[in-house]
């Protein structure tokens, strides 16, 4: 199995603060994202990912987010196997100290 790229919450926060446009995908459940998401993230539940591949583009890199980094890691392996470029946010929202906003 190919290695999954990872990023720390601090590294991701710096990229966002520097104005980088990133493709953020939060794979948590509805009740989890109700507590807040990283601004600009899209919510696609882990279980909905296989039916949502039309929302991904093989030319873009996706930063995957969950509560602790485990589910997003599983999604990262799945998407990478499908030919997508992915980065897993280590530590998940438990380690995130940046801004959050309610899920719209």
N, C-alpha and C. Protein backbone atom coordinates (compact mmCIF):
# COMPACT_ATOMS: atom_id res chain seq x y z
N UNK A 1 0.85 -1.19 0.00
CA UNK A 1 0.00 0.00 0.00
C UNK A 1 0.89 1.25 0.00
N UNK A 2 0.53 2.18 -0.83
CA UNK A 2 1.32 3.40 -0.96
C UNK A 2 1.13 4.30 0.26
N UNK A 3 2.21 4.96 0.64
CA UNK A 3 2.20 5.87 1.79
C UNK A 3 1.27 7.05 1.54
N UNK A 4 0.53 7.43 2.58
CA UNK A 4 -0.36 8.59 2.50
C UNK A 4 0.39 9.82 3.01
N UNK A 5 0.32 10.92 2.26
CA UNK A 5 0.91 12.16 2.73
C UNK A 5 0.10 12.67 3.92
N UNK A 6 0.78 13.28 4.87
CA UNK A 6 0.10 13.84 6.04
C UNK A 6 0.53 15.29 6.24
N UNK A 7 -0.29 15.99 7.01
CA UNK A 7 0.00 17.37 7.38
C UNK A 7 -0.47 17.55 8.82
N UNK A 8 0.27 18.32 9.60
CA UNK A 8 -0.16 18.59 10.97
C UNK A 8 -1.20 19.71 10.95
N UNK A 9 -1.93 19.82 12.05
CA UNK A 9 -2.93 20.89 12.12
C UNK A 9 -2.26 22.26 12.04
N UNK A 10 -1.08 22.39 12.66
CA UNK A 10 -0.37 23.68 12.61
C UNK A 10 0.06 24.02 11.18
N UNK A 11 0.57 23.02 10.46
CA UNK A 11 0.99 23.26 9.07
C UNK A 11 -0.19 23.67 8.21
N UNK A 12 -1.32 23.00 8.40
CA UNK A 12 -2.52 23.34 7.62
C UNK A 12 -3.01 24.74 7.97
N UNK A 13 -2.98 25.07 9.25
CA UNK A 13 -3.42 26.40 9.68
C UNK A 13 -2.54 27.48 9.05
N UNK A 14 -1.22 27.25 9.00
CA UNK A 14 -0.30 28.22 8.39
C UNK A 14 -0.63 28.42 6.91
N UNK A 15 -0.90 27.31 6.19
CA UNK A 15 -1.24 27.42 4.77
C UNK A 15 -2.50 28.28 4.59
N UNK A 16 -3.50 28.04 5.42
CA UNK A 16 -4.74 28.82 5.32
C UNK A 16 -4.50 30.28 5.66
N UNK A 17 -3.70 30.53 6.71
CA UNK A 17 -3.41 31.91 7.11
C UNK A 17 -2.63 32.64 6.03
N UNK A 18 -1.83 31.89 5.25
CA UNK A 18 -1.06 32.49 4.16
C UNK A 18 -1.90 32.71 2.91
N UNK A 19 -3.18 32.37 3.00
CA UNK A 19 -4.09 32.63 1.89
C UNK A 19 -4.11 31.56 0.81
N UNK A 20 -3.50 30.39 1.09
CA UNK A 20 -3.52 29.32 0.10
C UNK A 20 -4.95 28.80 -0.06
N UNK A 21 -5.32 28.52 -1.30
CA UNK A 21 -6.63 27.94 -1.58
C UNK A 21 -6.47 26.43 -1.55
N UNK A 22 -7.12 25.79 -0.59
CA UNK A 22 -6.97 24.35 -0.39
C UNK A 22 -8.33 23.67 -0.52
N UNK A 23 -8.30 22.45 -0.99
CA UNK A 23 -9.52 21.62 -1.08
C UNK A 23 -9.62 20.82 0.22
N UNK A 24 -10.45 21.29 1.15
CA UNK A 24 -10.62 20.63 2.45
C UNK A 24 -11.90 19.82 2.42
N UNK A 25 -11.81 18.56 2.86
CA UNK A 25 -12.98 17.69 2.91
C UNK A 25 -13.08 17.10 4.31
N UNK A 26 -14.17 17.42 4.99
CA UNK A 26 -14.43 16.93 6.35
C UNK A 26 -15.31 15.69 6.23
N UNK A 27 -14.81 14.54 6.71
CA UNK A 27 -15.53 13.27 6.53
C UNK A 27 -16.27 12.83 7.79
N UNK A 28 -16.41 13.74 8.76
CA UNK A 28 -17.10 13.39 10.01
C UNK A 28 -18.61 13.28 9.79
N UNK A 29 -19.28 12.75 10.81
CA UNK A 29 -20.74 12.61 10.78
C UNK A 29 -21.41 13.97 11.00
N UNK A 30 -22.70 14.05 10.67
CA UNK A 30 -23.44 15.31 10.77
C UNK A 30 -23.36 15.95 12.16
N UNK A 31 -23.55 15.12 13.20
CA UNK A 31 -23.55 15.69 14.55
C UNK A 31 -22.17 16.21 14.95
N UNK A 32 -21.11 15.66 14.35
CA UNK A 32 -19.76 16.14 14.66
C UNK A 32 -19.49 17.48 13.98
N UNK A 33 -19.86 17.61 12.71
CA UNK A 33 -19.60 18.87 12.01
C UNK A 33 -20.49 19.99 12.53
N UNK A 34 -21.60 19.63 13.19
CA UNK A 34 -22.47 20.65 13.78
C UNK A 34 -21.72 21.44 14.85
N UNK A 35 -20.68 20.84 15.43
CA UNK A 35 -19.87 21.53 16.45
C UNK A 35 -18.88 22.50 15.83
N UNK A 36 -18.72 22.47 14.51
CA UNK A 36 -17.85 23.41 13.82
C UNK A 36 -16.90 22.72 12.86
N UNK A 37 -16.65 23.42 11.77
CA UNK A 37 -15.75 22.93 10.73
C UNK A 37 -14.71 24.00 10.43
N UNK A 38 -13.60 23.58 9.83
CA UNK A 38 -12.61 24.54 9.37
C UNK A 38 -13.26 25.36 8.24
N UNK A 39 -13.17 26.69 8.30
CA UNK A 39 -13.78 27.52 7.25
C UNK A 39 -13.32 27.09 5.86
N UNK A 40 -14.28 26.94 4.96
CA UNK A 40 -13.97 26.55 3.59
C UNK A 40 -14.01 25.06 3.32
N UNK A 41 -14.14 24.26 4.38
CA UNK A 41 -14.18 22.81 4.18
C UNK A 41 -15.53 22.37 3.65
N UNK A 42 -15.52 21.33 2.83
CA UNK A 42 -16.75 20.70 2.37
C UNK A 42 -17.03 19.50 3.25
N UNK A 43 -18.28 19.25 3.53
CA UNK A 43 -18.66 18.09 4.36
C UNK A 43 -19.16 16.97 3.46
N UNK A 44 -18.42 15.85 3.44
CA UNK A 44 -18.87 14.63 2.77
C UNK A 44 -18.58 13.50 3.76
N UNK A 45 -19.63 12.95 4.34
CA UNK A 45 -19.46 11.90 5.34
C UNK A 45 -18.66 10.73 4.77
N UNK A 46 -17.86 10.10 5.63
CA UNK A 46 -17.03 8.99 5.21
C UNK A 46 -17.83 7.95 4.42
N UNK A 47 -19.00 7.59 4.91
CA UNK A 47 -19.82 6.58 4.25
C UNK A 47 -20.36 7.00 2.90
N UNK A 48 -20.36 8.33 2.64
CA UNK A 48 -20.87 8.85 1.38
C UNK A 48 -19.78 9.03 0.32
N UNK A 49 -18.52 8.87 0.71
CA UNK A 49 -17.40 9.11 -0.21
C UNK A 49 -17.50 8.27 -1.49
N UNK A 50 -17.72 6.93 -1.40
CA UNK A 50 -17.76 6.15 -2.65
C UNK A 50 -18.80 6.63 -3.64
N UNK A 51 -19.93 7.15 -3.16
CA UNK A 51 -20.98 7.65 -4.05
C UNK A 51 -20.76 9.11 -4.44
N UNK A 52 -19.69 9.72 -3.94
CA UNK A 52 -19.45 11.15 -4.18
C UNK A 52 -18.18 11.40 -5.00
N UNK A 53 -17.66 10.37 -5.65
CA UNK A 53 -16.41 10.54 -6.40
C UNK A 53 -16.52 11.57 -7.50
N UNK A 54 -17.76 11.84 -7.98
CA UNK A 54 -17.93 12.85 -9.01
C UNK A 54 -17.65 14.26 -8.49
N UNK A 55 -17.50 14.41 -7.17
CA UNK A 55 -17.19 15.72 -6.58
C UNK A 55 -15.68 15.93 -6.45
N UNK A 56 -14.90 14.93 -6.88
CA UNK A 56 -13.44 15.02 -6.79
C UNK A 56 -12.85 15.10 -8.18
N UNK A 57 -11.65 15.68 -8.27
CA UNK A 57 -10.95 15.88 -9.53
C UNK A 57 -9.53 15.36 -9.35
N UNK A 58 -9.06 14.52 -10.26
CA UNK A 58 -7.72 13.93 -10.12
C UNK A 58 -6.61 14.97 -10.26
N UNK A 59 -6.92 16.17 -10.75
CA UNK A 59 -5.91 17.21 -10.89
C UNK A 59 -5.69 18.00 -9.60
N UNK A 60 -6.59 17.85 -8.63
CA UNK A 60 -6.49 18.61 -7.39
C UNK A 60 -6.00 17.73 -6.25
N UNK A 61 -5.49 18.39 -5.20
CA UNK A 61 -5.05 17.68 -4.00
C UNK A 61 -6.07 17.98 -2.89
N UNK A 62 -6.49 16.95 -2.19
CA UNK A 62 -7.52 17.08 -1.17
C UNK A 62 -6.95 16.84 0.22
N UNK A 63 -7.29 17.73 1.13
CA UNK A 63 -6.88 17.61 2.52
C UNK A 63 -8.07 17.05 3.29
N UNK A 64 -7.88 15.87 3.88
CA UNK A 64 -8.98 15.15 4.51
C UNK A 64 -8.93 15.33 6.02
N UNK A 65 -10.12 15.56 6.60
CA UNK A 65 -10.25 15.94 8.01
C UNK A 65 -11.30 15.06 8.67
N UNK A 66 -11.00 14.60 9.89
CA UNK A 66 -12.02 13.94 10.72
C UNK A 66 -11.76 14.35 12.17
N UNK A 67 -12.30 13.59 13.12
CA UNK A 67 -12.15 13.96 14.53
C UNK A 67 -10.72 13.76 15.01
N UNK A 68 -10.11 12.59 14.68
CA UNK A 68 -8.79 12.30 15.23
C UNK A 68 -7.73 11.99 14.17
N UNK A 69 -8.14 11.83 12.92
CA UNK A 69 -7.20 11.49 11.85
C UNK A 69 -7.31 10.05 11.38
N UNK A 70 -8.07 9.21 12.09
CA UNK A 70 -8.18 7.80 11.70
C UNK A 70 -9.12 7.59 10.52
N UNK A 71 -10.34 8.11 10.63
CA UNK A 71 -11.30 7.94 9.52
C UNK A 71 -10.80 8.63 8.26
N UNK A 72 -10.26 9.84 8.42
CA UNK A 72 -9.75 10.54 7.23
C UNK A 72 -8.58 9.78 6.63
N UNK A 73 -7.82 9.08 7.45
CA UNK A 73 -6.73 8.24 6.94
C UNK A 73 -7.27 7.10 6.09
N UNK A 74 -8.37 6.48 6.55
CA UNK A 74 -9.00 5.41 5.77
C UNK A 74 -9.54 5.95 4.45
N UNK A 75 -10.18 7.12 4.50
CA UNK A 75 -10.70 7.74 3.28
C UNK A 75 -9.53 8.09 2.34
N UNK A 76 -8.43 8.56 2.92
CA UNK A 76 -7.25 8.90 2.10
C UNK A 76 -6.75 7.69 1.33
N UNK A 77 -6.66 6.54 2.00
CA UNK A 77 -6.22 5.32 1.31
C UNK A 77 -7.19 4.96 0.19
N UNK A 78 -8.47 5.04 0.46
CA UNK A 78 -9.49 4.71 -0.54
C UNK A 78 -9.37 5.64 -1.75
N UNK A 79 -9.34 6.96 -1.50
CA UNK A 79 -9.28 7.92 -2.60
C UNK A 79 -7.98 7.79 -3.38
N UNK A 80 -6.88 7.56 -2.67
CA UNK A 80 -5.60 7.40 -3.36
C UNK A 80 -5.64 6.18 -4.27
N UNK A 81 -6.27 5.10 -3.80
CA UNK A 81 -6.42 3.90 -4.63
C UNK A 81 -7.27 4.17 -5.87
N UNK A 82 -8.15 5.18 -5.79
CA UNK A 82 -9.00 5.56 -6.93
C UNK A 82 -8.27 6.54 -7.86
N UNK A 83 -7.05 6.93 -7.50
CA UNK A 83 -6.27 7.81 -8.36
C UNK A 83 -6.26 9.27 -7.97
N UNK A 84 -6.75 9.60 -6.76
CA UNK A 84 -6.79 10.99 -6.31
C UNK A 84 -5.58 11.32 -5.45
N UNK A 85 -5.23 12.63 -5.45
CA UNK A 85 -4.12 13.12 -4.61
C UNK A 85 -4.72 13.57 -3.29
N UNK A 86 -4.21 13.00 -2.20
CA UNK A 86 -4.78 13.27 -0.88
C UNK A 86 -3.71 13.52 0.16
N UNK A 87 -4.11 14.28 1.19
CA UNK A 87 -3.27 14.54 2.35
C UNK A 87 -4.17 14.37 3.57
N UNK A 88 -3.72 13.60 4.54
CA UNK A 88 -4.50 13.39 5.76
C UNK A 88 -4.03 14.37 6.84
N UNK A 89 -5.00 15.06 7.48
CA UNK A 89 -4.66 15.96 8.58
C UNK A 89 -4.50 15.14 9.86
N UNK A 90 -3.26 15.03 10.33
CA UNK A 90 -2.97 14.26 11.53
C UNK A 90 -3.58 14.92 12.76
N UNK A 91 -4.12 14.11 13.65
CA UNK A 91 -4.67 14.64 14.90
C UNK A 91 -6.10 15.12 14.79
N UNK A 92 -6.56 15.35 13.55
CA UNK A 92 -7.94 15.74 13.32
C UNK A 92 -8.37 16.98 14.08
N UNK A 93 -9.68 17.13 14.20
CA UNK A 93 -10.24 18.31 14.85
C UNK A 93 -9.93 18.35 16.35
N UNK A 94 -9.57 17.20 16.92
CA UNK A 94 -9.16 17.21 18.34
C UNK A 94 -7.94 18.08 18.54
N UNK A 95 -7.05 18.13 17.53
CA UNK A 95 -5.82 18.92 17.63
C UNK A 95 -5.94 20.30 16.99
N UNK A 96 -7.05 20.59 16.32
CA UNK A 96 -7.21 21.85 15.59
C UNK A 96 -7.45 22.99 16.57
N UNK A 97 -6.62 24.03 16.49
CA UNK A 97 -6.80 25.18 17.37
C UNK A 97 -7.18 26.43 16.59
N UNK A 98 -7.34 26.28 15.27
CA UNK A 98 -7.70 27.42 14.44
C UNK A 98 -9.18 27.73 14.49
N UNK A 99 -9.60 28.61 13.61
CA UNK A 99 -11.00 29.03 13.56
C UNK A 99 -11.88 27.88 13.08
N UNK A 100 -13.11 27.87 13.55
CA UNK A 100 -14.11 26.97 13.02
C UNK A 100 -15.37 27.78 12.74
N UNK A 101 -16.23 27.20 11.93
CA UNK A 101 -17.52 27.84 11.65
C UNK A 101 -18.57 26.76 11.62
N UNK A 102 -19.81 27.12 11.88
CA UNK A 102 -20.88 26.12 11.83
C UNK A 102 -21.01 25.54 10.43
N UNK A 103 -21.38 24.28 10.33
CA UNK A 103 -21.63 23.67 9.04
C UNK A 103 -22.89 24.29 8.44
N UNK A 104 -22.79 24.70 7.18
CA UNK A 104 -23.94 25.34 6.52
C UNK A 104 -24.85 24.30 5.94
